Protein backbone atom coordinates (compact mmCIF):
# COMPACT_ATOMS: atom_id res chain seq x y z
CA MET A 1 0.00 0.00 0.00
CA VAL A 2 1.30 3.44 -0.91
CA ALA A 3 1.32 6.04 1.86
CA LEU A 4 -0.09 9.40 0.89
CA THR A 5 1.23 12.57 2.48
CA GLU A 6 -0.87 15.70 2.60
CA GLY A 7 1.07 18.90 1.98
CA ARG A 8 0.58 22.19 3.77
CA THR A 9 -2.94 23.54 3.46
CA PRO A 10 -4.05 27.17 3.47
CA GLY A 11 -4.20 28.51 7.02
CA CYS A 12 -2.78 25.30 8.53
CA PHE A 13 -0.84 27.37 11.08
CA ILE A 14 -3.89 29.19 12.56
CA LEU A 15 -5.22 28.29 16.02
CA THR A 16 -7.65 31.22 16.34
CA GLU A 17 -8.37 34.44 14.48
CA ALA A 18 -10.69 37.42 14.72
CA ASN A 19 -14.37 37.03 13.78
CA GLY A 20 -15.35 37.47 10.17
CA ARG A 21 -11.84 36.90 8.88
CA ARG A 22 -10.77 40.34 10.12
CA SER A 23 -7.31 38.86 10.66
CA ARG A 24 -6.81 38.38 6.91
CA LYS A 25 -6.07 40.80 4.11
CA LYS A 26 -5.56 40.53 0.35
CA VAL A 27 -2.14 42.01 -0.51
CA THR A 28 0.62 42.11 -3.11
CA VAL A 29 3.47 39.70 -2.42
CA THR A 30 6.73 39.85 -4.38
CA VAL A 31 7.84 36.25 -4.93
CA ALA A 32 11.48 35.67 -5.88
CA ALA A 33 12.36 33.86 -9.12
CA SER A 34 11.77 30.10 -9.12
CA THR A 35 10.35 30.21 -5.60
CA THR A 36 7.35 28.70 -3.86
CA LEU A 37 6.10 30.41 -0.71
CA GLN A 38 4.13 28.04 1.52
CA PRO A 39 1.28 28.71 3.95
CA GLY A 40 2.85 29.85 7.22
CA GLU A 41 5.74 31.74 5.60
CA VAL A 42 6.62 34.80 7.68
CA LEU A 43 6.65 38.00 5.60
CA THR A 44 7.85 41.58 5.96
CA LEU A 45 6.52 44.74 4.35
CA SER A 46 8.84 46.57 1.94
CA ALA A 47 7.84 49.48 -0.31
CA GLY A 48 4.15 48.65 0.07
CA LYS A 49 4.58 44.97 -0.89
CA TYR A 50 5.14 41.88 1.21
CA ILE A 51 8.33 39.85 0.78
CA ASP A 52 9.91 36.85 2.49
CA TYR A 53 11.10 37.94 5.97
CA ASP A 54 14.89 37.88 6.31
CA ASN A 55 16.48 39.97 9.02
CA SER A 56 19.96 38.49 8.48
CA THR A 57 21.04 41.73 6.79
CA GLY A 58 19.89 43.80 9.76
CA GLY A 59 16.62 44.97 8.20
CA GLY A 60 13.12 43.70 8.05
CA VAL A 61 10.31 43.51 10.54
CA ALA A 62 8.01 40.49 10.54
CA ALA A 63 4.60 41.89 9.68
CA ALA A 64 2.36 39.06 8.46
CA ILE A 65 2.05 35.35 7.70
CA LEU A 66 1.15 34.00 4.26
CA PHE A 67 -2.22 32.22 4.29
CA GLY A 68 -1.94 30.14 1.09
CA GLU A 69 0.72 28.96 -1.35
CA LEU A 70 2.21 31.25 -4.02
CA VAL A 71 4.30 29.74 -6.83
CA ASN A 72 6.63 31.70 -9.12
CA ASP A 73 8.05 29.40 -11.79
CA THR A 74 9.57 32.22 -13.84
CA GLU A 75 13.18 33.43 -13.98
CA ALA A 76 12.37 36.83 -12.43
CA PRO A 77 10.65 38.14 -9.29
CA VAL A 78 6.88 38.47 -9.76
CA ASP A 79 4.26 40.48 -7.87
CA MET A 80 1.34 38.21 -6.99
CA THR A 81 -1.92 38.68 -5.14
CA GLY A 82 -2.03 36.70 -1.93
CA VAL A 83 -3.77 36.60 1.42
CA VAL A 84 -1.95 37.21 4.69
CA VAL A 85 -2.81 37.03 8.36
CA ASP A 86 -1.69 40.44 9.60
CA ASN A 87 -3.38 40.94 13.00
CA ASN A 88 -5.39 39.47 15.88
CA ALA A 89 -4.54 35.78 15.59
CA GLU A 90 -3.00 32.91 17.50
CA VAL A 91 -0.77 30.64 15.44
CA VAL A 92 1.18 27.41 15.96
CA LYS A 93 4.84 28.34 16.39
CA ALA A 94 6.05 25.04 14.91
CA GLN A 95 3.98 25.65 11.75
CA LEU A 96 5.65 28.97 10.90
CA LEU A 97 8.19 28.93 8.08
CA TRP A 98 11.28 31.12 8.09
CA ASN A 99 13.67 32.10 5.30
CA SER A 100 16.84 29.99 5.43
CA GLY A 101 18.86 33.13 6.24
CA VAL A 102 17.00 33.68 9.51
CA ASP A 103 18.85 32.29 12.54
CA ALA A 104 17.51 31.56 16.04
CA ALA A 105 17.93 35.20 17.13
CA GLY A 106 16.11 36.32 13.98
CA ILE A 107 13.23 33.98 14.74
CA LEU A 108 12.92 35.39 18.26
CA ALA A 109 12.98 38.93 16.81
CA GLY A 110 10.36 37.95 14.24
CA LEU A 111 8.09 36.45 16.87
CA ALA A 112 8.40 39.67 18.91
CA ASP A 113 7.56 41.69 15.77
CA LEU A 114 4.44 39.58 15.19
CA GLU A 115 3.30 40.17 18.78
CA LEU A 116 3.29 43.93 18.01
CA VAL A 117 0.52 43.30 15.45
CA HIS A 118 -1.25 40.97 17.89
CA ILE A 119 -0.20 37.69 16.30
CA LYS A 120 0.76 35.37 19.13
CA ALA A 121 2.79 32.25 18.30
CA LEU A 122 1.94 29.43 20.71
CA ASP A 123 3.05 25.88 21.21
CA GLY A 124 0.24 23.76 19.90
CA PRO A 125 -0.73 21.02 17.49
CA THR A 126 1.97 20.24 14.93
CA ALA A 127 -0.06 18.12 12.56
């Protein structure tokens, strides 16, 4: 028998959110060339668009979490419409995804940034 594995689903990281989906917003996300951003990816706001959070260069403030997958299979960065969770939510810490350039200190800084917009990362279900 072949085992099937379910991938990440939209919003899989959410424990609770504000009524009426007030925690979500449709935004423009710049996705790097040949990149797939998964649900739970932590994002930062830059020049009015969301990008993958990476504070390894000293900049960037975690501002939102991507709700659903965005795929860029082109050779150049592309602006795409996506949905983010940007306020008033509780999320599963283990379900958040961080850019490979973000170290442990960067993750702690990002979690503190998210708390400023009332997104609390909690230990919780991991599957």
